[in-house]
C-alpha cells in the first residue's frame, strides 16, 4: 500500500490500528485494567473476585488510574466468611484491600529498615470509615517464629493484627498492582465491632430521686389496745386486823408537864372515843358528855371543901 508516495506494509498498518483500539491504554497513554480479568487468570482468587462483584466494587476499582488491590486466596475468603459479617461490613473489609496509590513489588522491598508508610483505602474515600480508621499501615516487620522479615499491612484500628505480603499477581509500574496477602485484614470499624482493647465507658449509674411521702398518703398507725393487768401480777392488800384503831383515831400523847403545874382534871384528860370512820361521835353525844362532866364536878365540890377545911 502506498501513502503519500511511500509504500507502507499492510502489517504495520494493522499493528497501528490494533494499538489505537486496544483497551489497555487510555487516550493519554495511561494503561487500563480490569480487576475481574486479572483475577480470572488464577483459580485461587475466584472467591475474592466474586466477592468484589457482589459488593459492587469492581467498577470503582477499574475507573481509577492509580490503585493497588490486596487480593486473598479462597482459603482466606473462607475465614472471612466465618466472621459472619453483614453484607455492608463485608464490603467495608474488601474496601480496605483497595489502596488509592501504587505499591509494587520493588517499592515494598525498599521498605526494609525504613519508616512505615500509610495509604488511604477505598473504605476511607467512601466516607463510611469513622475518623482515620480507613487508613492502612504498611511496614517491614518480623514474620513468623522463624525470624524472617516481611512487609505487613494492617488497618489503623487493627491493634497490631497484621497480614503479610505474599507475592505480586499483576503490575503496571506506577499505575496499578494486584498483590496477594496472607489473610483478610481485621478492622473493628469496618466489621461494625467495638474495639476489644478500649471498650466504650459505661455511663455512671444515676441514683433514683427519693420522693418524700405525701402527708395526705400517710396513715396514722392504729392505737395500741390497752393491756389489762394480769391477775397473777396483782397483789391483794392484807386485811386490816379487827378492832385496830385507824391512824386518824390515834390521839397524840400530851407533852410532859412542867414542875409545879397542876394536874389536869379528869375532864381535861378525857378524850371522846372515835367512831368507826376515824372521827368523833356526833354532836348529840358531845352534849351528853358535857352535861355529865358538869354534874360530876358539882358532886365532888363538898368533898373538896371538906378536905380543904
C-alpha atoms as a PDB file:
ATOM      1  CA  UNK A   1       0.000   0.000   0.000  1.00  0.00           C
ATOM      2  CA  UNK A   2       1.359   3.437  -0.987  1.00  0.00           C
ATOM      3  CA  UNK A   3       0.603   6.518   1.072  1.00  0.00           C
ATOM      4  CA  UNK A   4       1.827   9.996   0.034  1.00  0.00           C
ATOM      5  CA  UNK A   5       4.374   8.458  -2.304  1.00  0.00           C
ATOM      6  CA  UNK A   6       5.531   5.949   0.300  1.00  0.00           C
ATOM      7  CA  UNK A   7       4.972   2.250   0.409  1.00  0.00           C
ATOM      8  CA  UNK A   8       3.718   1.057   3.825  1.00  0.00           C
ATOM      9  CA  UNK A   9       3.428  -2.643   4.566  1.00  0.00           C
ATOM     10  CA  UNK A  10      -0.035  -3.780   5.485  1.00  0.00           C
ATOM     11  CA  UNK A  11       1.275  -5.492   8.590  1.00  0.00           C
ATOM     12  CA  UNK A  12       2.455  -2.187  10.047  1.00  0.00           C
ATOM     13  CA  UNK A  13      -0.878  -0.524   9.381  1.00  0.00           C
ATOM     14  CA  UNK A  14      -2.672  -3.409  11.042  1.00  0.00           C
ATOM     15  CA  UNK A  15      -0.441  -3.117  14.123  1.00  0.00           C
ATOM     16  CA  UNK A  16      -1.145   0.609  14.424  1.00  0.00           C
ATOM     17  CA  UNK A  17      -4.874   0.020  14.212  1.00  0.00           C
ATOM     18  CA  UNK A  18      -4.726  -2.650  16.881  1.00  0.00           C
ATOM     19  CA  UNK A  19      -2.734  -0.477  19.281  1.00  0.00           C
ATOM     20  CA  UNK A  20      -5.007   2.506  18.828  1.00  0.00           C
ATOM     21  CA  UNK A  21      -8.083   0.427  19.570  1.00  0.00           C
ATOM     22  CA  UNK A  22      -6.547  -1.607  22.407  1.00  0.00           C
ATOM     23  CA  UNK A  23      -8.368  -1.355  25.798  1.00  0.00           C
ATOM     24  CA  UNK A  24      -5.005  -1.432  27.603  1.00  0.00           C
ATOM     25  CA  UNK A  25      -4.459   2.291  27.084  1.00  0.00           C
ATOM     26  CA  UNK A  26      -6.431   5.449  27.603  1.00  0.00           C
ATOM     27  CA  UNK A  27      -6.234   8.209  25.069  1.00  0.00           C
ATOM     28  CA  UNK A  28      -3.473   9.831  27.163  1.00  0.00           C
ATOM     29  CA  UNK A  29      -1.340   6.669  27.229  1.00  0.00           C
ATOM     30  CA  UNK A  30      -2.369   5.541  30.737  1.00  0.00           C
ATOM     31  CA  UNK A  31      -2.897   1.754  30.825  1.00  0.00           C
ATOM     32  CA  UNK A  32      -6.319   0.460  31.738  1.00  0.00           C
ATOM     33  CA  UNK A  33      -7.117  -2.587  33.823  1.00  0.00           C
ATOM     34  CA  UNK A  34      -9.947  -4.965  34.607  1.00  0.00           C
ATOM     35  CA  UNK A  35      -9.739  -6.456  38.054  1.00  0.00           C
ATOM     36  CA  UNK A  36     -12.043  -9.363  37.224  1.00  0.00           C
ATOM     37  CA  UNK A  37      -9.955 -10.240  34.145  1.00  0.00           C
ATOM     38  CA  UNK A  38      -6.741 -10.178  36.181  1.00  0.00           C
ATOM     39  CA  UNK A  39      -8.159 -12.359  38.958  1.00  0.00           C
ATOM     40  CA  UNK A  40      -9.712 -14.775  36.460  1.00  0.00           C
ATOM     41  CA  UNK A  41      -6.219 -15.760  35.344  1.00  0.00           C
ATOM     42  CA  UNK A  42      -5.746 -17.677  38.649  1.00  0.00           C
ATOM     43  CA  UNK A  43      -8.224 -20.154  40.182  1.00  0.00           C
ATOM     44  CA  UNK A  44      -7.021 -19.194  43.673  1.00  0.00           C
ATOM     45  CA  UNK A  45      -8.868 -15.868  43.566  1.00  0.00           C
ATOM     46  CA  UNK A  46     -12.302 -16.907  42.334  1.00  0.00           C
ATOM     47  CA  UNK A  47     -13.979 -16.290  45.692  1.00  0.00           C
ATOM     48  CA  UNK A  48     -12.294 -12.905  46.109  1.00  0.00           C
ATOM     49  CA  UNK A  49     -13.334 -11.856  42.599  1.00  0.00           C
ATOM     50  CA  UNK A  50     -16.935 -12.956  43.231  1.00  0.00           C
ATOM     51  CA  UNK A  51     -16.985 -11.014  46.488  1.00  0.00           C
ATOM     52  CA  UNK A  52     -15.812  -7.830  44.724  1.00  0.00           C
ATOM     53  CA  UNK A  53     -18.590  -8.227  42.162  1.00  0.00           C
ATOM     54  CA  UNK A  54     -21.230  -8.826  44.881  1.00  0.00           C
ATOM     55  CA  UNK A  55     -20.054  -5.723  46.778  1.00  0.00           C
ATOM     56  CA  UNK A  56     -20.205  -3.541  43.616  1.00  0.00           C
ATOM     57  CA  UNK A  57     -16.515  -2.658  43.931  1.00  0.00           C
ATOM     58  CA  UNK A  58     -15.201  -3.771  40.523  1.00  0.00           C
ATOM     59  CA  UNK A  59     -16.364  -0.623  38.745  1.00  0.00           C
ATOM     60  CA  UNK A  60     -14.810   1.626  41.409  1.00  0.00           C
ATOM     61  CA  UNK A  61     -11.516  -0.247  41.037  1.00  0.00           C
ATOM     62  CA  UNK A  62     -11.439  -0.188  37.235  1.00  0.00           C
ATOM     63  CA  UNK A  63     -12.193   3.547  36.956  1.00  0.00           C
ATOM     64  CA  UNK A  64      -9.109   4.571  38.950  1.00  0.00           C
ATOM     65  CA  UNK A  65      -5.774   5.002  37.217  1.00  0.00           C
ATOM     66  CA  UNK A  66      -3.518   4.547  40.266  1.00  0.00           C
ATOM     67  CA  UNK A  67      -4.515   1.742  42.572  1.00  0.00           C
ATOM     68  CA  UNK A  68      -3.287  -1.352  44.444  1.00  0.00           C
ATOM     69  CA  UNK A  69      -5.528  -4.339  45.186  1.00  0.00           C
ATOM     70  CA  UNK A  70      -4.585  -6.674  48.044  1.00  0.00           C
ATOM     71  CA  UNK A  71      -6.130  -9.958  46.942  1.00  0.00           C
ATOM     72  CA  UNK A  72      -6.627 -13.026  49.185  1.00  0.00           C
ATOM     73  CA  UNK A  73      -6.998 -16.638  48.090  1.00  0.00           C
ATOM     74  CA  UNK A  74     -10.037 -18.859  48.529  1.00  0.00           C
ATOM     75  CA  UNK A  75      -8.871 -20.200  51.904  1.00  0.00           C
ATOM     76  CA  UNK A  76      -8.617 -16.680  53.340  1.00  0.00           C
ATOM     77  CA  UNK A  77     -12.060 -15.866  51.978  1.00  0.00           C
ATOM     78  CA  UNK A  78     -13.396 -18.869  53.879  1.00  0.00           C
ATOM     79  CA  UNK A  79     -12.009 -17.399  57.106  1.00  0.00           C
ATOM     80  CA  UNK A  80     -13.610 -14.071  56.254  1.00  0.00           C
ATOM     81  CA  UNK A  81     -16.992 -15.730  55.788  1.00  0.00           C
ATOM     82  CA  UNK A  82     -16.555 -17.427  59.171  1.00  0.00           C
ATOM     83  CA  UNK A  83     -16.684 -13.978  60.805  1.00  0.00           C
ATOM     84  CA  UNK A  84     -20.379 -13.869  59.806  1.00  0.00           C
ATOM     85  CA  UNK A  85     -20.358 -10.179  58.925  1.00  0.00           C
ATOM     86  CA  UNK A  86     -23.257  -8.265  57.460  1.00  0.00           C
ATOM     87  CA  UNK A  87     -23.079  -7.509  53.701  1.00  0.00           C
ATOM     88  CA  UNK A  88     -22.214  -3.846  54.329  1.00  0.00           C
ATOM     89  CA  UNK A  89     -19.373  -4.826  56.664  1.00  0.00           C
ATOM     90  CA  UNK A  90     -18.021  -7.340  54.134  1.00  0.00           C
ATOM     91  CA  UNK A  91     -17.933  -4.502  51.601  1.00  0.00           C
ATOM     92  CA  UNK A  92     -16.056  -2.286  54.070  1.00  0.00           C
ATOM     93  CA  UNK A  93     -13.449  -5.002  54.728  1.00  0.00           C
ATOM     94  CA  UNK A  94     -12.938  -5.555  50.988  1.00  0.00           C
ATOM     95  CA  UNK A  95     -12.665  -1.772  50.530  1.00  0.00           C
ATOM     96  CA  UNK A  96      -9.737  -1.800  52.979  1.00  0.00           C
ATOM     97  CA  UNK A  97      -7.923  -4.061  50.476  1.00  0.00           C
ATOM     98  CA  UNK A  98      -8.123  -1.401  47.772  1.00  0.00           C
ATOM     99  CA  UNK A  99      -5.335   1.202  48.245  1.00  0.00           C
ATOM    100  CA  UNK A 100      -5.526   4.519  46.397  1.00  0.00           C
ATOM    101  CA  UNK A 101      -1.814   4.503  45.478  1.00  0.00           C
ATOM    102  CA  UNK A 102       0.657   2.292  43.700  1.00  0.00           C
ATOM    103  CA  UNK A 103       2.683  -0.232  45.740  1.00  0.00           C
ATOM    104  CA  UNK A 104       4.550  -2.668  43.507  1.00  0.00           C
ATOM    105  CA  UNK A 105       6.911  -5.433  44.491  1.00  0.00           C
ATOM    106  CA  UNK A 106      10.026  -3.249  44.200  1.00  0.00           C
ATOM    107  CA  UNK A 107       8.510  -0.482  46.274  1.00  0.00           C
ATOM    108  CA  UNK A 108       7.557  -2.881  49.072  1.00  0.00           C
ATOM    109  CA  UNK A 109      11.008  -4.446  49.204  1.00  0.00           C
ATOM    110  CA  UNK A 110      12.506  -0.995  49.582  1.00  0.00           C
ATOM    111  CA  UNK A 111      10.677  -0.680  52.920  1.00  0.00           C
ATOM    112  CA  UNK A 112      13.184  -2.958  54.643  1.00  0.00           C
ATOM    113  CA  UNK A 113      14.611  -0.959  57.536  1.00  0.00           C
ATOM    114  CA  UNK A 114      12.767   2.245  56.643  1.00  0.00           C
ATOM    115  CA  UNK A 115       9.929   4.072  58.310  1.00  0.00           C
ATOM    116  CA  UNK A 116       6.428   2.623  57.807  1.00  0.00           C
ATOM    117  CA  UNK A 117       4.117   4.154  55.250  1.00  0.00           C
ATOM    118  CA  UNK A 118       0.414   4.853  55.194  1.00  0.00           C
ATOM    119  CA  UNK A 119      -2.098   4.718  52.376  1.00  0.00           C
ATOM    120  CA  UNK A 120      -5.719   5.756  52.101  1.00  0.00           C
ATOM    121  CA  UNK A 121      -8.098   2.970  51.188  1.00  0.00           C
ATOM    122  CA  UNK A 122     -11.356   2.891  49.292  1.00  0.00           C
ATOM    123  CA  UNK A 123     -13.042   2.473  52.715  1.00  0.00           C
ATOM    124  CA  UNK A 124     -11.613   5.839  53.775  1.00  0.00           C
ATOM    125  CA  UNK A 125     -12.591   7.507  50.485  1.00  0.00           C
ATOM    126  CA  UNK A 126     -16.177   6.232  50.736  1.00  0.00           C
ATOM    127  CA  UNK A 127     -16.795   8.310  53.871  1.00  0.00           C
ATOM    128  CA  UNK A 128     -18.037   5.259  55.797  1.00  0.00           C
ATOM    129  CA  UNK A 129     -14.875   4.979  57.903  1.00  0.00           C
ATOM    130  CA  UNK A 130     -15.023   6.830  61.240  1.00  0.00           C
ATOM    131  CA  UNK A 131     -12.124   9.257  61.583  1.00  0.00           C
ATOM    132  CA  UNK A 132      -8.921   7.812  60.115  1.00  0.00           C
ATOM    133  CA  UNK A 133      -9.894   4.150  60.547  1.00  0.00           C
ATOM    134  CA  UNK A 134      -9.822   3.695  56.764  1.00  0.00           C
ATOM    135  CA  UNK A 135      -6.040   4.288  56.639  1.00  0.00           C
ATOM    136  CA  UNK A 136      -3.840   1.230  56.014  1.00  0.00           C
ATOM    137  CA  UNK A 137      -0.371   0.999  57.553  1.00  0.00           C
ATOM    138  CA  UNK A 138       2.475  -0.629  55.594  1.00  0.00           C
ATOM    139  CA  UNK A 139       5.681  -1.599  57.395  1.00  0.00           C
ATOM    140  CA  UNK A 140       8.540  -4.097  57.358  1.00  0.00           C
ATOM    141  CA  UNK A 141       8.149  -6.280  60.448  1.00  0.00           C
ATOM    142  CA  UNK A 142       9.324  -9.624  61.756  1.00  0.00           C
ATOM    143  CA  UNK A 143       7.453 -12.534  60.254  1.00  0.00           C
ATOM    144  CA  UNK A 144       6.659 -15.842  61.907  1.00  0.00           C
ATOM    145  CA  UNK A 145       8.521 -17.811  64.525  1.00  0.00           C
ATOM    146  CA  UNK A 146      11.425 -18.485  62.130  1.00  0.00           C
ATOM    147  CA  UNK A 147      12.526 -14.865  62.479  1.00  0.00           C
ATOM    148  CA  UNK A 148      12.113 -13.934  58.799  1.00  0.00           C
ATOM    149  CA  UNK A 149      11.081 -10.434  57.939  1.00  0.00           C
ATOM    150  CA  UNK A 150       8.252  -9.360  55.693  1.00  0.00           C
ATOM    151  CA  UNK A 151       6.026  -6.496  54.673  1.00  0.00           C
ATOM    152  CA  UNK A 152       2.876  -6.251  56.721  1.00  0.00           C
ATOM    153  CA  UNK A 153      -0.423  -4.460  56.088  1.00  0.00           C
ATOM    154  CA  UNK A 154      -2.818  -3.503  58.884  1.00  0.00           C
ATOM    155  CA  UNK A 155      -5.842  -1.296  59.407  1.00  0.00           C
ATOM    156  CA  UNK A 156      -5.351   1.772  61.565  1.00  0.00           C
ATOM    157  CA  UNK A 157      -7.601   0.312  64.299  1.00  0.00           C
ATOM    158  CA  UNK A 158      -6.371  -3.307  63.996  1.00  0.00           C
ATOM    159  CA  UNK A 159      -4.483  -3.153  67.353  1.00  0.00           C
ATOM    160  CA  UNK A 160      -1.390  -4.909  65.972  1.00  0.00           C
ATOM    161  CA  UNK A 161      -3.169  -7.581  63.895  1.00  0.00           C
ATOM    162  CA  UNK A 162      -1.415  -7.626  60.512  1.00  0.00           C
ATOM    163  CA  UNK A 163      -1.439  -9.554  57.211  1.00  0.00           C
ATOM    164  CA  UNK A 164       1.713 -10.252  55.196  1.00  0.00           C
ATOM    165  CA  UNK A 165       2.627  -9.640  51.598  1.00  0.00           C
ATOM    166  CA  UNK A 166       2.922 -12.928  49.696  1.00  0.00           C
ATOM    167  CA  UNK A 167       3.597 -12.167  46.017  1.00  0.00           C
ATOM    168  CA  UNK A 168       2.793  -9.914  43.085  1.00  0.00           C
ATOM    169  CA  UNK A 169      -0.039 -11.129  40.850  1.00  0.00           C
ATOM    170  CA  UNK A 170      -0.123  -8.377  38.187  1.00  0.00           C
ATOM    171  CA  UNK A 171       1.564  -4.980  37.920  1.00  0.00           C
ATOM    172  CA  UNK A 172       1.702  -1.993  35.632  1.00  0.00           C
ATOM    173  CA  UNK A 173       4.533   0.104  37.112  1.00  0.00           C
ATOM    174  CA  UNK A 174       3.447   3.373  38.667  1.00  0.00           C
ATOM    175  CA  UNK A 175      -0.236   2.742  37.864  1.00  0.00           C
ATOM    176  CA  UNK A 176      -1.776  -0.369  39.287  1.00  0.00           C
ATOM    177  CA  UNK A 177      -0.764  -3.536  41.103  1.00  0.00           C
ATOM    178  CA  UNK A 178      -2.556  -6.654  42.251  1.00  0.00           C
ATOM    179  CA  UNK A 179      -0.771  -8.242  45.236  1.00  0.00           C
ATOM    180  CA  UNK A 180      -1.567 -11.352  47.241  1.00  0.00           C
ATOM    181  CA  UNK A 181      -1.641 -11.049  51.058  1.00  0.00           C
ATOM    182  CA  UNK A 182      -1.886 -13.784  53.661  1.00  0.00           C
ATOM    183  CA  UNK A 183      -5.373 -13.011  55.037  1.00  0.00           C
ATOM    184  CA  UNK A 184      -8.226 -10.538  55.098  1.00  0.00           C
ATOM    185  CA  UNK A 185      -7.413  -7.568  57.298  1.00  0.00           C
ATOM    186  CA  UNK A 186      -9.214  -7.079  60.595  1.00  0.00           C
ATOM    187  CA  UNK A 187     -10.805  -3.763  61.495  1.00  0.00           C
ATOM    188  CA  UNK A 188     -13.376  -3.223  64.259  1.00  0.00           C
ATOM    189  CA  UNK A 189     -14.637  -0.131  62.421  1.00  0.00           C
ATOM    190  CA  UNK A 190     -15.099  -1.966  59.124  1.00  0.00           C
ATOM    191  CA  UNK A 191     -16.604  -5.040  60.785  1.00  0.00           C
ATOM    192  CA  UNK A 192     -19.004  -2.988  62.882  1.00  0.00           C
ATOM    193  CA  UNK A 193     -17.500  -4.118  66.185  1.00  0.00           C
ATOM    194  CA  UNK A 194     -16.309  -2.087  69.158  1.00  0.00           C
ATOM    195  CA  UNK A 195     -12.533  -2.272  69.784  1.00  0.00           C
ATOM    196  CA  UNK A 196     -11.818  -5.054  72.269  1.00  0.00           C
ATOM    197  CA  UNK A 197      -8.941  -3.192  73.932  1.00  0.00           C
ATOM    198  CA  UNK A 198     -10.790   0.067  74.523  1.00  0.00           C
ATOM    199  CA  UNK A 199     -14.479  -0.538  75.202  1.00  0.00           C
ATOM    200  CA  UNK A 200     -16.713   2.447  75.483  1.00  0.00           C
ATOM    201  CA  UNK A 201     -17.037   3.569  79.103  1.00  0.00           C
ATOM    202  CA  UNK A 202     -20.342   2.690  80.649  1.00  0.00           C
ATOM    203  CA  UNK A 203     -22.371   5.616  81.920  1.00  0.00           C
ATOM    204  CA  UNK A 204     -22.237   6.301  85.620  1.00  0.00           C
ATOM    205  CA  UNK A 205     -25.287   4.969  87.435  1.00  0.00           C
ATOM    206  CA  UNK A 206     -27.767   7.673  88.313  1.00  0.00           C
ATOM    207  CA  UNK A 207     -29.366   7.349  91.712  1.00  0.00           C
ATOM    208  CA  UNK A 208     -33.128   7.403  91.628  1.00  0.00           C
ATOM    209  CA  UNK A 209     -34.552  10.501  93.325  1.00  0.00           C
ATOM    210  CA  UNK A 210     -36.053   9.854  96.734  1.00  0.00           C
ATOM    211  CA  UNK A 211     -39.642  11.064  96.766  1.00  0.00           C
ATOM    212  CA  UNK A 212     -40.878  12.172 100.163  1.00  0.00           C
ATOM    213  CA  UNK A 213     -44.251  10.627 101.009  1.00  0.00           C
ATOM    214  CA  UNK A 214     -47.163  12.987 100.759  1.00  0.00           C
ATOM    215  CA  UNK A 215     -48.793  13.871 104.115  1.00  0.00           C
ATOM    216  CA  UNK A 216     -52.154  13.013 102.561  1.00  0.00           C
ATOM    217  CA  UNK A 217     -50.984   9.494 101.861  1.00  0.00           C
ATOM    218  CA  UNK A 218     -49.638   8.901 105.324  1.00  0.00           C
ATOM    219  CA  UNK A 219     -51.907   6.797 107.550  1.00  0.00           C
ATOM    220  CA  UNK A 220     -51.646   7.180 111.297  1.00  0.00           C
ATOM    221  CA  UNK A 221     -50.804   3.902 112.982  1.00  0.00           C
ATOM    222  CA  UNK A 222     -53.764   2.362 114.864  1.00  0.00           C
ATOM    223  CA  UNK A 223     -53.675   2.900 118.615  1.00  0.00           C
ATOM    224  CA  UNK A 224     -52.328   0.028 120.605  1.00  0.00           C
ATOM    225  CA  UNK A 225     -55.012  -1.760 122.647  1.00  0.00           C
ATOM    226  CA  UNK A 226     -54.791  -1.285 126.377  1.00  0.00           C
ATOM    227  CA  UNK A 227     -53.365  -4.342 128.044  1.00  0.00           C
ATOM    228  CA  UNK A 228     -55.314  -5.405 131.081  1.00  0.00           C
ATOM    229  CA  UNK A 229     -53.102  -6.227 134.063  1.00  0.00           C
ATOM    230  CA  UNK A 230     -52.637  -9.902 134.595  1.00  0.00           C
ATOM    231  CA  UNK A 231     -54.363 -11.315 137.705  1.00  0.00           C
ATOM    232  CA  UNK A 232     -51.090 -13.009 138.595  1.00  0.00           C
ATOM    233  CA  UNK A 233     -49.342  -9.679 138.896  1.00  0.00           C
ATOM    234  CA  UNK A 234     -51.969  -8.172 141.204  1.00  0.00           C
ATOM    235  CA  UNK A 235     -51.204  -8.486 144.930  1.00  0.00           C
ATOM    236  CA  UNK A 236     -54.141  -8.306 147.308  1.00  0.00           C
ATOM    237  CA  UNK A 237     -53.673  -5.927 150.219  1.00  0.00           C
ATOM    238  CA  UNK A 238     -53.584  -7.694 153.604  1.00  0.00           C
ATOM    239  CA  UNK A 239     -56.801  -7.452 155.646  1.00  0.00           C
ATOM    240  CA  UNK A 240     -56.869  -4.996 158.497  1.00  0.00           C
ATOM    241  CA  UNK A 241     -56.976  -6.614 161.942  1.00  0.00           C
ATOM    242  CA  UNK A 242     -60.314  -6.404 163.699  1.00  0.00           C
ATOM    243  CA  UNK A 243     -60.606  -3.598 166.201  1.00  0.00           C
ATOM    244  CA  UNK A 244     -57.396  -1.967 165.116  1.00  0.00           C
ATOM    245  CA  UNK A 245     -57.664   1.771 165.539  1.00  0.00           C
ATOM    246  CA  UNK A 246     -57.490   3.901 162.487  1.00  0.00           C
ATOM    247  CA  UNK A 247     -54.364   6.029 162.230  1.00  0.00           C
ATOM    248  CA  UNK A 248     -56.570   9.066 162.280  1.00  0.00           C
ATOM    249  CA  UNK A 249     -58.216   7.959 165.579  1.00  0.00           C
ATOM    250  CA  UNK A 250     -54.955   7.555 167.473  1.00  0.00           C
ATOM    251  CA  UNK A 251     -54.513  10.523 169.827  1.00  0.00           C
ATOM    252  CA  UNK A 252     -51.199  12.251 170.097  1.00  0.00           C
ATOM    253  CA  UNK A 253     -49.782  11.892 173.620  1.00  0.00           C
ATOM    254  CA  UNK A 254     -49.700  15.169 175.543  1.00  0.00           C
ATOM    255  CA  UNK A 255     -46.389  16.826 176.202  1.00  0.00           C
ATOM    256  CA  UNK A 256     -44.818  16.238 179.674  1.00  0.00           C
ATOM    257  CA  UNK A 257     -45.961  18.557 182.489  1.00  0.00           C
ATOM    258  CA  UNK A 258     -43.684  21.127 183.980  1.00  0.00           C
ATOM    259  CA  UNK A 259     -42.866  21.104 187.710  1.00  0.00           C
ATOM    260  CA  UNK A 260     -45.493  22.872 189.845  1.00  0.00           C
ATOM    261  CA  UNK A 261     -48.061  22.775 187.048  1.00  0.00           C
ATOM    262  CA  UNK A 262     -51.401  21.484 188.468  1.00  0.00           C
ATOM    263  CA  UNK A 263     -52.613  18.198 187.151  1.00  0.00           C
ATOM    264  CA  UNK A 264     -55.329  18.272 184.660  1.00  0.00           C
ATOM    265  CA  UNK A 265     -58.824  17.448 185.777  1.00  0.00           C
ATOM    266  CA  UNK A 266     -60.433  14.210 184.724  1.00  0.00           C
ATOM    267  CA  UNK A 267     -62.446  16.205 182.296  1.00  0.00           C
ATOM    268  CA  UNK A 268     -59.303  17.511 180.669  1.00  0.00           C
ATOM    269  CA  UNK A 269     -57.827  14.012 180.267  1.00  0.00           C
ATOM    270  CA  UNK A 270     -60.966  12.621 178.816  1.00  0.00           C
ATOM    271  CA  UNK A 271     -60.910  12.026 175.076  1.00  0.00           C
ATOM    272  CA  UNK A 272     -64.108  11.049 173.377  1.00  0.00           C
ATOM    273  CA  UNK A 273     -63.995   7.743 171.627  1.00  0.00           C
ATOM    274  CA  UNK A 274     -63.586   7.824 167.882  1.00  0.00           C
ATOM    275  CA  UNK A 275     -66.217   6.418 165.644  1.00  0.00           C
ATOM    276  CA  UNK A 276     -65.582   3.747 163.041  1.00  0.00           C
ATOM    277  CA  UNK A 277     -64.711   6.361 160.377  1.00  0.00           C
ATOM    278  CA  UNK A 278     -61.837   7.810 162.438  1.00  0.00           C
ATOM    279  CA  UNK A 279     -63.809  10.867 163.591  1.00  0.00           C
ATOM    280  CA  UNK A 280     -65.583  11.831 166.874  1.00  0.00           C
ATOM    281  CA  UNK A 281     -69.143  10.970 167.710  1.00  0.00           C
ATOM    282  CA  UNK A 282     -71.953  13.182 166.573  1.00  0.00           C
ATOM    283  CA  UNK A 283     -72.996  16.462 168.208  1.00  0.00           C
ATOM    284  CA  UNK A 284     -75.732  14.867 170.451  1.00  0.00           C
ATOM    285  CA  UNK A 285     -73.171  12.595 172.105  1.00  0.00           C
ATOM    286  CA  UNK A 286     -70.872  15.521 172.756  1.00  0.00           C
ATOM    287  CA  UNK A 287     -73.682  17.429 174.511  1.00  0.00           C
ATOM    288  CA  UNK A 288     -74.464  14.464 176.829  1.00  0.00           C
ATOM    289  CA  UNK A 289     -70.785  14.167 177.691  1.00  0.00           C
ATOM    290  CA  UNK A 290     -70.602  17.857 178.559  1.00  0.00           C
ATOM    291  CA  UNK A 291     -73.686  17.621 180.889  1.00  0.00           C
ATOM    292  CA  UNK A 292     -72.211  14.597 182.698  1.00  0.00           C
ATOM    293  CA  UNK A 293     -68.899  16.403 183.269  1.00  0.00           C
ATOM    294  CA  UNK A 294     -70.563  19.423 184.916  1.00  0.00           C
ATOM    295  CA  UNK A 295     -72.638  17.163 187.222  1.00  0.00           C
ATOM    296  CA  UNK A 296     -69.591  15.276 188.331  1.00  0.00           C
ATOM    297  CA  UNK A 297     -67.822  18.474 189.268  1.00  0.00           C
ATOM    298  CA  UNK A 298     -70.728  19.756 191.333  1.00  0.00           C
ATOM    299  CA  UNK A 299     -70.988  16.433 193.176  1.00  0.00           C
ATOM    300  CA  UNK A 300     -67.326  16.445 194.015  1.00  0.00           C
ATOM    301  CA  UNK A 301     -67.219  20.003 195.398  1.00  0.00           C
ATOM    302  CA  UNK A 302     -68.358  19.161 199.021  1.00  0.00           C
ATOM    303  CA  UNK A 303     -65.642  16.580 199.330  1.00  0.00           C
ATOM    304  CA  UNK A 304     -63.085  19.065 198.143  1.00  0.00           C
ATOM    305  CA  UNK A 305     -64.327  21.687 200.582  1.00  0.00           C
ATOM    306  CA  UNK A 306     -64.177  19.169 203.447  1.00  0.00           C
ATOM    307  CA  UNK A 307     -60.668  18.234 202.647  1.00  0.00           C
ATOM    308  CA  UNK A 308     -59.582  21.821 202.463  1.00  0.00           C
ATOM    309  CA  UNK A 309     -61.243  22.576 205.706  1.00  0.00           C
END
